[in-house]
Amino acid sequence: MNSLEGKKAPAFTLEGSDGNKHSLEDYLGKRVVIYFYPRDNTPGCTKESCGFRDLNQEIGDLNTVVLGVSKDSLASHDKFIEKFDLPFTLLSDPESEMMEKYGAWGEKVLYGKKSIGCIRSTVIVDEKGKIVKHWKKVTKAEAHPAKVLEFLQSL
């Protein structure tokens, strides 16, 4: 997929781990970090999510909200949040509709084997709903949240 930078962020409405429906328009006036990850409670996804947890206050101080998105159920998200004390909302995209719109669903290669699934990626949406940064493929999950914070601080 081509970079989404400079484009209007695709609209979405998904159920969140907080029991509410979340739409992009709910966040107008704030920046939004949306990180797409394959699965709750897996090693890379846990490291990435805990990284965003540890930087959540600093990210929040920059008028920015973090949202995590995977195909996992809300029940799975609840366990993941409780186990790792995640302070932000996780969205459930069981049909991969949002992930497809953001280029986070498609063919990937793991240990030489091709499959279709969630591509670990992240977008930053500005206060007006435009994508200002798109990491199409995140390779070092544990280091990624710090890179996101660094980019936000540069804005």
Protein backbone atom coordinates (compact mmCIF):
# COMPACT_ATOMS: atom_id res chain seq x y z
CA MET A 1 0.00 0.00 0.00
CA ASN A 2 1.11 3.54 -0.69
CA SER A 3 1.68 5.93 2.15
CA LEU A 4 -1.43 7.59 3.54
CA GLU A 5 0.49 10.69 4.61
CA GLY A 6 -1.21 13.92 3.62
CA LYS A 7 -4.56 12.19 3.04
CA LYS A 8 -7.78 12.48 4.99
CA ALA A 9 -7.92 9.62 7.48
CA PRO A 10 -10.56 7.02 6.54
CA ALA A 11 -13.67 7.16 8.70
CA PHE A 12 -14.39 4.31 11.10
CA THR A 13 -16.74 3.32 13.89
CA LEU A 14 -15.66 0.44 16.11
CA GLU A 15 -16.49 -0.93 19.54
CA GLY A 16 -13.93 -0.02 22.18
CA SER A 17 -12.69 -1.76 25.29
CA ASP A 18 -14.29 1.04 27.33
CA GLY A 19 -17.79 -0.07 26.22
CA ASN A 20 -18.26 2.83 23.80
CA LYS A 21 -18.34 3.11 20.04
CA HIS A 22 -15.40 5.13 18.71
CA SER A 23 -15.30 7.16 15.49
CA LEU A 24 -12.53 9.30 14.12
CA GLU A 25 -14.78 12.37 14.34
CA ASP A 26 -14.92 11.89 18.14
CA TYR A 27 -11.29 13.03 18.23
CA LEU A 28 -11.38 16.19 16.11
CA GLY A 29 -9.26 18.81 17.89
CA LYS A 30 -6.83 16.15 19.16
CA ARG A 31 -4.10 14.15 17.49
CA VAL A 32 -4.66 10.41 17.38
CA VAL A 33 -2.05 7.66 17.29
CA ILE A 34 -3.68 4.54 15.84
CA TYR A 35 -1.50 1.47 16.06
CA PHE A 36 -2.56 -1.75 14.39
CA TYR A 37 -1.26 -4.96 15.92
CA PRO A 38 -1.86 -8.65 15.17
CA ARG A 39 -2.94 -10.14 18.49
CA ASP A 40 -3.45 -9.51 22.19
CA ASN A 41 -1.02 -11.22 24.59
CA THR A 42 1.62 -12.11 22.00
CA PRO A 43 5.25 -11.12 22.62
CA GLY A 44 5.71 -8.31 20.05
CA CYS A 45 2.22 -6.90 20.55
CA THR A 46 2.68 -6.90 24.32
CA LYS A 47 6.03 -5.07 24.07
CA GLU A 48 4.55 -2.48 21.71
CA SER A 49 1.42 -1.94 23.82
CA CYS A 50 3.45 -1.66 27.03
CA GLY A 51 5.70 0.87 25.30
CA PHE A 52 2.67 3.00 24.49
CA ARG A 53 1.49 2.48 28.08
CA ASP A 54 4.79 3.71 29.48
CA LEU A 55 4.76 6.81 27.25
CA ASN A 56 1.02 7.47 27.51
CA GLN A 57 1.36 10.46 29.86
CA GLU A 58 3.95 12.16 27.64
CA ILE A 59 1.88 11.45 24.53
CA GLY A 60 -1.25 12.76 26.26
CA ASP A 61 0.57 15.94 27.24
CA LEU A 62 0.96 16.59 23.48
CA ASN A 63 -2.85 16.70 22.97
CA THR A 64 -2.72 13.16 21.59
CA VAL A 65 -4.80 10.02 22.21
CA VAL A 66 -3.58 6.46 21.63
CA LEU A 67 -5.88 3.81 20.16
CA GLY A 68 -4.84 0.21 19.55
CA VAL A 69 -6.65 -1.86 16.91
CA SER A 70 -6.74 -5.62 16.31
CA LYS A 71 -9.24 -8.30 15.30
CA ASP A 72 -9.41 -9.54 18.89
CA SER A 73 -12.71 -9.57 20.74
CA LEU A 74 -13.56 -7.04 23.42
CA ALA A 75 -13.27 -9.84 26.01
CA SER A 76 -9.72 -10.53 24.84
CA HIS A 77 -8.94 -6.80 24.93
CA ASP A 78 -10.28 -6.60 28.50
CA LYS A 79 -7.92 -9.36 29.66
CA PHE A 80 -4.97 -7.78 27.81
CA ILE A 81 -5.68 -4.35 29.35
CA GLU A 82 -6.07 -5.80 32.85
CA LYS A 83 -2.95 -7.98 32.63
CA PHE A 84 -0.69 -5.14 31.42
CA ASP A 85 -2.49 -2.13 32.95
CA LEU A 86 -3.01 -0.43 29.59
CA PRO A 87 -4.42 3.10 30.08
CA PHE A 88 -5.86 3.59 26.57
CA THR A 89 -8.73 2.17 24.54
CA LEU A 90 -8.34 -0.87 22.33
CA LEU A 91 -10.72 -1.16 19.38
CA SER A 92 -12.05 -4.45 18.04
CA ASP A 93 -12.07 -4.79 14.24
CA PRO A 94 -13.30 -8.39 13.82
CA GLU A 95 -14.05 -8.01 10.10
CA SER A 96 -10.73 -6.18 9.40
CA GLU A 97 -12.66 -3.35 7.71
CA MET A 98 -10.77 -0.52 9.39
CA MET A 99 -7.45 -2.32 8.99
CA GLU A 100 -8.08 -2.66 5.25
CA LYS A 101 -8.84 1.07 4.90
CA TYR A 102 -5.56 1.93 6.64
CA GLY A 103 -3.43 -0.60 4.75
CA ALA A 104 -2.96 -2.70 7.88
CA TRP A 105 -4.48 -5.88 6.46
CA GLY A 106 -2.95 -7.97 3.72
CA GLU A 107 -0.22 -10.37 2.73
CA LYS A 108 2.73 -10.68 5.05
CA VAL A 109 5.64 -13.05 5.43
CA LEU A 110 6.54 -14.64 8.76
CA TYR A 111 9.46 -17.08 8.93
CA GLY A 112 9.36 -17.40 5.14
CA LYS A 113 5.68 -18.33 5.09
CA LYS A 114 3.15 -16.04 3.37
CA SER A 115 -0.18 -15.41 5.01
CA ILE A 116 -2.96 -12.84 5.12
CA GLY A 117 -3.34 -10.93 8.35
CA CYS A 118 -2.75 -7.76 10.28
CA ILE A 119 0.33 -5.82 9.24
CA ARG A 120 1.81 -4.10 12.28
CA SER A 121 1.59 -0.41 11.36
CA THR A 122 0.78 3.00 12.81
CA VAL A 123 -0.73 6.28 11.69
CA ILE A 124 -0.82 9.67 13.36
CA VAL A 125 -3.90 11.71 12.56
CA ASP A 126 -3.80 15.46 13.17
CA GLU A 127 -6.42 17.61 14.88
CA LYS A 128 -8.33 18.08 11.61
CA GLY A 129 -8.44 14.42 10.57
CA LYS A 130 -5.46 14.31 8.19
CA ILE A 131 -2.77 11.62 8.37
CA VAL A 132 0.55 13.32 9.11
CA LYS A 133 2.65 10.16 9.59
CA HIS A 134 2.26 6.58 8.37
CA TRP A 135 4.53 3.75 9.38
CA LYS A 136 3.44 1.13 6.81
CA LYS A 137 5.35 -1.69 8.46
CA VAL A 138 6.67 -1.58 12.01
CA THR A 139 9.60 -3.97 12.41
CA LYS A 140 10.86 -3.32 15.96
CA ALA A 141 7.68 -3.31 18.04
CA GLU A 142 9.41 -2.58 21.36
CA ALA A 143 11.24 0.50 20.00
CA HIS A 144 8.33 1.87 17.97
CA PRO A 145 6.41 3.80 20.68
CA ALA A 146 9.51 5.93 21.40
CA LYS A 147 9.75 6.76 17.67
CA VAL A 148 6.10 7.80 17.69
CA LEU A 149 6.68 10.07 20.70
CA GLU A 150 9.76 11.56 19.04
CA PHE A 151 7.74 12.36 15.91
CA LEU A 152 4.93 13.93 17.96
CA GLN A 153 7.46 16.10 19.82
CA SER A 154 8.78 17.34 16.46
CA LEU A 155 5.38 18.68 15.37
